[in-house]
Amino acid sequence: MPLYESVFIARQDISQTQVEALLERFGGIVTEGGGEVGKTEYWGVRGLAYRIKKNRKGHYVMMSLDAPAPAIQEMERNMRLDEDILRYLTLKVDAFEEGPSIMMQRGRDDRGRGGRRDRDDRPGRDEHRDRPPGGNMDEARTAAPKAPAVVPETPVAAPEPPAVVPEEGAATASKSEGVDE
């Protein structure tokens, strides 16, 4: 018989015992159809990527099935009719994974995965200094390079304008015309 892995997401507001009852019900449909349920994994309540029927979270469950295609179709039909099931996905596989699935291995550090990553592998703030303000790199590439500003080491005072001394005998603006001295 073909091998399948089926994952379904149940609503967040049902209890874990209700999720287990759903799992038994769908497993019973598969066994009535002539198949077998291998391992089952409850992945817990996880956040959804987007809202589904006003739900932001859901109970995730995975089942490994060894069943004929009509039994799988009947199980999927019942999942479609059940109001507690938000989404389901059944895939045909060549062989079952040995041990826990990837979702159950999350958080374990024995394989160098999971847990928090070190933040030392991210670029520091100093490495982004070549970016222009606003972050538009296209404008920065097309703009002409600016020459560095030359700053004198010692400040130089600007020379003062020479004082204007009136010549003798020349009339100044303060003297009124027509008055003899």
C-alpha atoms as a PDB file:
ATOM      1  CA  MET A   1       0.000   0.000   0.000  1.00  0.00           C
ATOM      2  CA  PRO A   2       1.140   3.568  -0.560  1.00  0.00           C
ATOM      3  CA  LEU A   3       2.567   5.627   2.305  1.00  0.00           C
ATOM      4  CA  TYR A   4       1.161   9.054   3.213  1.00  0.00           C
ATOM      5  CA  GLU A   5       1.896  11.807   5.704  1.00  0.00           C
ATOM      6  CA  SER A   6      -1.080  13.940   6.654  1.00  0.00           C
ATOM      7  CA  VAL A   7      -0.940  17.167   8.650  1.00  0.00           C
ATOM      8  CA  PHE A   8      -4.005  19.030   9.840  1.00  0.00           C
ATOM      9  CA  ILE A   9      -4.522  22.270  11.752  1.00  0.00           C
ATOM     10  CA  ALA A  10      -7.390  22.421  14.244  1.00  0.00           C
ATOM     11  CA  ARG A  11      -8.907  25.594  15.716  1.00  0.00           C
ATOM     12  CA  GLN A  12      -7.072  27.185  18.626  1.00  0.00           C
ATOM     13  CA  ASP A  13     -10.083  27.361  20.948  1.00  0.00           C
ATOM     14  CA  ILE A  14     -10.621  23.591  21.236  1.00  0.00           C
ATOM     15  CA  SER A  15      -8.843  21.635  23.956  1.00  0.00           C
ATOM     16  CA  GLN A  16      -6.033  19.171  23.459  1.00  0.00           C
ATOM     17  CA  THR A  17      -8.342  16.289  24.398  1.00  0.00           C
ATOM     18  CA  GLN A  18     -10.687  17.345  21.579  1.00  0.00           C
ATOM     19  CA  VAL A  19      -7.713  17.359  19.193  1.00  0.00           C
ATOM     20  CA  GLU A  20      -6.843  13.821  20.327  1.00  0.00           C
ATOM     21  CA  ALA A  21     -10.478  12.806  19.698  1.00  0.00           C
ATOM     22  CA  LEU A  22     -10.197  14.209  16.148  1.00  0.00           C
ATOM     23  CA  LEU A  23      -6.987  12.236  15.666  1.00  0.00           C
ATOM     24  CA  GLU A  24      -8.669   9.010  16.809  1.00  0.00           C
ATOM     25  CA  ARG A  25     -11.676   9.670  14.583  1.00  0.00           C
ATOM     26  CA  PHE A  26      -9.563  10.228  11.445  1.00  0.00           C
ATOM     27  CA  GLY A  27      -7.354   7.265  12.349  1.00  0.00           C
ATOM     28  CA  GLY A  28     -10.485   5.120  12.691  1.00  0.00           C
ATOM     29  CA  ILE A  29     -11.620   6.140   9.207  1.00  0.00           C
ATOM     30  CA  VAL A  30      -8.245   5.031   7.797  1.00  0.00           C
ATOM     31  CA  THR A  31      -8.320   1.667   9.612  1.00  0.00           C
ATOM     32  CA  GLU A  32     -11.918   1.031   8.483  1.00  0.00           C
ATOM     33  CA  GLY A  33     -10.739   1.646   4.904  1.00  0.00           C
ATOM     34  CA  GLY A  34      -8.085  -1.076   5.229  1.00  0.00           C
ATOM     35  CA  GLY A  35      -5.090   1.061   6.217  1.00  0.00           C
ATOM     36  CA  GLU A  36      -2.855   1.496   9.223  1.00  0.00           C
ATOM     37  CA  VAL A  37      -1.896   4.558  11.217  1.00  0.00           C
ATOM     38  CA  GLY A  38       1.839   4.667  11.929  1.00  0.00           C
ATOM     39  CA  LYS A  39       3.183   7.300  14.256  1.00  0.00           C
ATOM     40  CA  THR A  40       1.259  10.417  15.212  1.00  0.00           C
ATOM     41  CA  GLU A  41       2.820  13.640  16.468  1.00  0.00           C
ATOM     42  CA  TYR A  42       1.141  16.540  18.201  1.00  0.00           C
ATOM     43  CA  TRP A  43       3.189  19.633  17.336  1.00  0.00           C
ATOM     44  CA  GLY A  44       1.328  21.931  19.714  1.00  0.00           C
ATOM     45  CA  VAL A  45      -0.384  25.260  19.274  1.00  0.00           C
ATOM     46  CA  ARG A  46       1.541  27.334  16.759  1.00  0.00           C
ATOM     47  CA  GLY A  47       0.967  30.689  15.097  1.00  0.00           C
ATOM     48  CA  LEU A  48      -0.475  30.792  11.596  1.00  0.00           C
ATOM     49  CA  ALA A  49       1.122  32.815   8.821  1.00  0.00           C
ATOM     50  CA  TYR A  50      -2.202  34.586   8.236  1.00  0.00           C
ATOM     51  CA  ARG A  51      -5.685  34.553   9.708  1.00  0.00           C
ATOM     52  CA  ILE A  52      -7.840  31.571   8.786  1.00  0.00           C
ATOM     53  CA  LYS A  53     -11.513  31.822   9.756  1.00  0.00           C
ATOM     54  CA  LYS A  54     -10.665  34.485  12.373  1.00  0.00           C
ATOM     55  CA  ASN A  55      -7.989  32.258  13.981  1.00  0.00           C
ATOM     56  CA  ARG A  56      -4.397  33.369  14.493  1.00  0.00           C
ATOM     57  CA  LYS A  57      -3.168  30.076  15.995  1.00  0.00           C
ATOM     58  CA  GLY A  58      -3.954  26.396  15.604  1.00  0.00           C
ATOM     59  CA  HIS A  59      -3.253  22.893  16.928  1.00  0.00           C
ATOM     60  CA  TYR A  60      -0.886  21.107  14.500  1.00  0.00           C
ATOM     61  CA  VAL A  61      -1.042  17.297  14.205  1.00  0.00           C
ATOM     62  CA  MET A  62       0.876  14.938  11.870  1.00  0.00           C
ATOM     63  CA  MET A  63      -0.042  11.321  11.056  1.00  0.00           C
ATOM     64  CA  SER A  64       1.949   8.721   9.133  1.00  0.00           C
ATOM     65  CA  LEU A  65      -0.472   6.519   7.169  1.00  0.00           C
ATOM     66  CA  ASP A  66      -0.108   3.251   5.259  1.00  0.00           C
ATOM     67  CA  ALA A  67      -3.453   3.102   3.473  1.00  0.00           C
ATOM     68  CA  PRO A  68      -5.141   2.706   0.095  1.00  0.00           C
ATOM     69  CA  ALA A  69      -6.172   5.843  -1.784  1.00  0.00           C
ATOM     70  CA  PRO A  70      -9.957   5.478  -1.132  1.00  0.00           C
ATOM     71  CA  ALA A  71      -9.348   5.470   2.656  1.00  0.00           C
ATOM     72  CA  ILE A  72      -7.276   8.652   2.364  1.00  0.00           C
ATOM     73  CA  GLN A  73      -9.968  10.307   0.241  1.00  0.00           C
ATOM     74  CA  GLU A  74     -12.631   9.436   2.841  1.00  0.00           C
ATOM     75  CA  MET A  75     -10.455  10.845   5.640  1.00  0.00           C
ATOM     76  CA  GLU A  76      -9.902  14.086   3.675  1.00  0.00           C
ATOM     77  CA  ARG A  77     -13.650  14.335   2.963  1.00  0.00           C
ATOM     78  CA  ASN A  78     -14.366  14.140   6.691  1.00  0.00           C
ATOM     79  CA  MET A  79     -11.662  16.750   7.396  1.00  0.00           C
ATOM     80  CA  ARG A  80     -13.292  19.065   4.868  1.00  0.00           C
ATOM     81  CA  LEU A  81     -16.686  18.699   6.586  1.00  0.00           C
ATOM     82  CA  ASP A  82     -15.402  19.170  10.141  1.00  0.00           C
ATOM     83  CA  GLU A  83     -15.706  22.772  11.398  1.00  0.00           C
ATOM     84  CA  ASP A  84     -12.791  22.359  13.811  1.00  0.00           C
ATOM     85  CA  ILE A  85     -10.291  21.680  10.999  1.00  0.00           C
ATOM     86  CA  LEU A  86      -8.842  24.849   9.495  1.00  0.00           C
ATOM     87  CA  ARG A  87      -6.468  23.295   6.933  1.00  0.00           C
ATOM     88  CA  TYR A  88      -5.109  19.861   6.028  1.00  0.00           C
ATOM     89  CA  LEU A  89      -2.460  18.525   3.684  1.00  0.00           C
ATOM     90  CA  THR A  90      -1.788  14.919   2.736  1.00  0.00           C
ATOM     91  CA  LEU A  91       1.355  13.958   0.837  1.00  0.00           C
ATOM     92  CA  LYS A  92       2.389  10.655  -0.674  1.00  0.00           C
ATOM     93  CA  VAL A  93       5.905   9.688   0.482  1.00  0.00           C
ATOM     94  CA  ASP A  94       8.354   6.967  -0.480  1.00  0.00           C
ATOM     95  CA  ALA A  95       9.286   6.055   3.105  1.00  0.00           C
ATOM     96  CA  PHE A  96       8.544   7.275   6.609  1.00  0.00           C
ATOM     97  CA  GLU A  97      11.165   9.209   8.543  1.00  0.00           C
ATOM     98  CA  GLU A  98      12.828   7.323  11.337  1.00  0.00           C
ATOM     99  CA  GLY A  99      12.619   9.061  14.690  1.00  0.00           C
ATOM    100  CA  PRO A 100      10.936  12.370  15.368  1.00  0.00           C
ATOM    101  CA  SER A 101      10.043  14.731  12.548  1.00  0.00           C
ATOM    102  CA  ILE A 102      11.816  18.020  11.920  1.00  0.00           C
ATOM    103  CA  MET A 103       9.116  19.920  13.798  1.00  0.00           C
ATOM    104  CA  MET A 104       9.732  17.838  16.914  1.00  0.00           C
ATOM    105  CA  GLN A 105      13.516  18.321  16.618  1.00  0.00           C
ATOM    106  CA  ARG A 106      13.260  22.122  16.798  1.00  0.00           C
ATOM    107  CA  GLY A 107      15.040  23.589  19.767  1.00  0.00           C
ATOM    108  CA  ARG A 108      17.559  20.776  20.028  1.00  0.00           C
ATOM    109  CA  ASP A 109      21.171  21.816  19.502  1.00  0.00           C
ATOM    110  CA  ASP A 110      22.700  18.377  18.910  1.00  0.00           C
ATOM    111  CA  ARG A 111      22.795  18.852  15.127  1.00  0.00           C
ATOM    112  CA  GLY A 112      23.881  22.482  15.164  1.00  0.00           C
ATOM    113  CA  ARG A 113      20.349  23.672  14.439  1.00  0.00           C
ATOM    114  CA  GLY A 114      17.586  25.054  16.528  1.00  0.00           C
ATOM    115  CA  GLY A 115      17.808  27.309  19.497  1.00  0.00           C
ATOM    116  CA  ARG A 116      18.877  30.899  19.073  1.00  0.00           C
ATOM    117  CA  ARG A 117      21.451  31.762  16.480  1.00  0.00           C
ATOM    118  CA  ASP A 118      24.470  33.735  17.480  1.00  0.00           C
ATOM    119  CA  ARG A 119      24.072  37.321  16.497  1.00  0.00           C
ATOM    120  CA  ASP A 120      27.801  37.614  15.782  1.00  0.00           C
ATOM    121  CA  ASP A 121      27.282  36.423  12.200  1.00  0.00           C
ATOM    122  CA  ARG A 122      25.190  39.470  11.326  1.00  0.00           C
ATOM    123  CA  PRO A 123      26.945  42.504   9.848  1.00  0.00           C
ATOM    124  CA  GLY A 124      27.667  45.248  12.338  1.00  0.00           C
ATOM    125  CA  ARG A 125      26.533  48.823  12.073  1.00  0.00           C
ATOM    126  CA  ASP A 126      29.967  49.945  10.902  1.00  0.00           C
ATOM    127  CA  GLU A 127      29.786  47.686   7.832  1.00  0.00           C
ATOM    128  CA  HIS A 128      26.822  49.631   6.435  1.00  0.00           C
ATOM    129  CA  ARG A 129      28.541  53.023   6.375  1.00  0.00           C
ATOM    130  CA  ASP A 130      28.718  53.059   2.560  1.00  0.00           C
ATOM    131  CA  ARG A 131      24.928  53.262   2.303  1.00  0.00           C
ATOM    132  CA  PRO A 132      23.496  56.700   1.604  1.00  0.00           C
ATOM    133  CA  PRO A 133      20.882  58.216   3.903  1.00  0.00           C
ATOM    134  CA  GLY A 134      17.511  56.768   2.996  1.00  0.00           C
ATOM    135  CA  GLY A 135      19.117  53.571   1.728  1.00  0.00           C
ATOM    136  CA  ASN A 136      18.670  54.122  -2.029  1.00  0.00           C
ATOM    137  CA  MET A 137      21.713  52.314  -3.406  1.00  0.00           C
ATOM    138  CA  ASP A 138      20.764  52.962  -7.066  1.00  0.00           C
ATOM    139  CA  GLU A 139      21.145  56.703  -6.613  1.00  0.00           C
ATOM    140  CA  ALA A 140      24.432  56.193  -4.790  1.00  0.00           C
ATOM    141  CA  ARG A 141      25.865  54.160  -7.694  1.00  0.00           C
ATOM    142  CA  THR A 142      24.897  56.675 -10.379  1.00  0.00           C
ATOM    143  CA  ALA A 143      25.943  59.788  -8.483  1.00  0.00           C
ATOM    144  CA  ALA A 144      29.382  61.193  -9.236  1.00  0.00           C
ATOM    145  CA  PRO A 145      31.898  60.627  -6.473  1.00  0.00           C
ATOM    146  CA  LYS A 146      32.421  63.688  -4.330  1.00  0.00           C
ATOM    147  CA  ALA A 147      35.904  65.018  -3.669  1.00  0.00           C
ATOM    148  CA  PRO A 148      36.848  65.006  -0.011  1.00  0.00           C
ATOM    149  CA  ALA A 149      36.591  68.379   1.662  1.00  0.00           C
ATOM    150  CA  VAL A 150      39.930  69.953   2.541  1.00  0.00           C
ATOM    151  CA  VAL A 151      39.984  71.438   5.992  1.00  0.00           C
ATOM    152  CA  PRO A 152      42.963  73.671   6.883  1.00  0.00           C
ATOM    153  CA  GLU A 153      44.783  72.645   9.997  1.00  0.00           C
ATOM    154  CA  THR A 154      45.051  76.184  11.451  1.00  0.00           C
ATOM    155  CA  PRO A 155      42.277  78.707  11.002  1.00  0.00           C
ATOM    156  CA  VAL A 156      43.261  81.708   8.898  1.00  0.00           C
ATOM    157  CA  ALA A 157      41.516  85.028   9.573  1.00  0.00           C
ATOM    158  CA  ALA A 158      40.242  86.909   6.547  1.00  0.00           C
ATOM    159  CA  PRO A 159      42.066  90.220   5.965  1.00  0.00           C
ATOM    160  CA  GLU A 160      40.121  93.336   6.932  1.00  0.00           C
ATOM    161  CA  PRO A 161      39.273  95.801   4.176  1.00  0.00           C
ATOM    162  CA  PRO A 162      41.513  98.901   4.160  1.00  0.00           C
ATOM    163  CA  ALA A 163      40.128 101.982   5.832  1.00  0.00           C
ATOM    164  CA  VAL A 164      39.089 104.747   3.428  1.00  0.00           C
ATOM    165  CA  VAL A 165      40.729 108.063   4.263  1.00  0.00           C
ATOM    166  CA  PRO A 166      39.187 111.101   2.528  1.00  0.00           C
ATOM    167  CA  GLU A 167      41.552 113.275   0.593  1.00  0.00           C
ATOM    168  CA  GLU A 168      42.083 116.856   1.606  1.00  0.00           C
ATOM    169  CA  GLY A 169      39.933 119.278  -0.281  1.00  0.00           C
ATOM    170  CA  ALA A 170      37.426 116.617  -1.322  1.00  0.00           C
ATOM    171  CA  ALA A 171      33.889 117.099  -0.143  1.00  0.00           C
ATOM    172  CA  THR A 172      32.498 114.403   2.078  1.00  0.00           C
ATOM    173  CA  ALA A 173      28.917 113.209   2.213  1.00  0.00           C
ATOM    174  CA  SER A 174      28.421 114.615   5.687  1.00  0.00           C
ATOM    175  CA  LYS A 175      29.092 118.213   4.605  1.00  0.00           C
ATOM    176  CA  SER A 176      26.227 120.006   3.034  1.00  0.00           C
ATOM    177  CA  GLU A 177      26.721 121.601  -0.307  1.00  0.00           C
ATOM    178  CA  GLY A 178      26.806 125.335  -0.595  1.00  0.00           C
ATOM    179  CA  VAL A 179      28.210 125.998   2.820  1.00  0.00           C
ATOM    180  CA  ASP A 180      31.691 127.546   2.812  1.00  0.00           C
ATOM    181  CA  GLU A 181      34.109 126.741   5.447  1.00  0.00           C
END
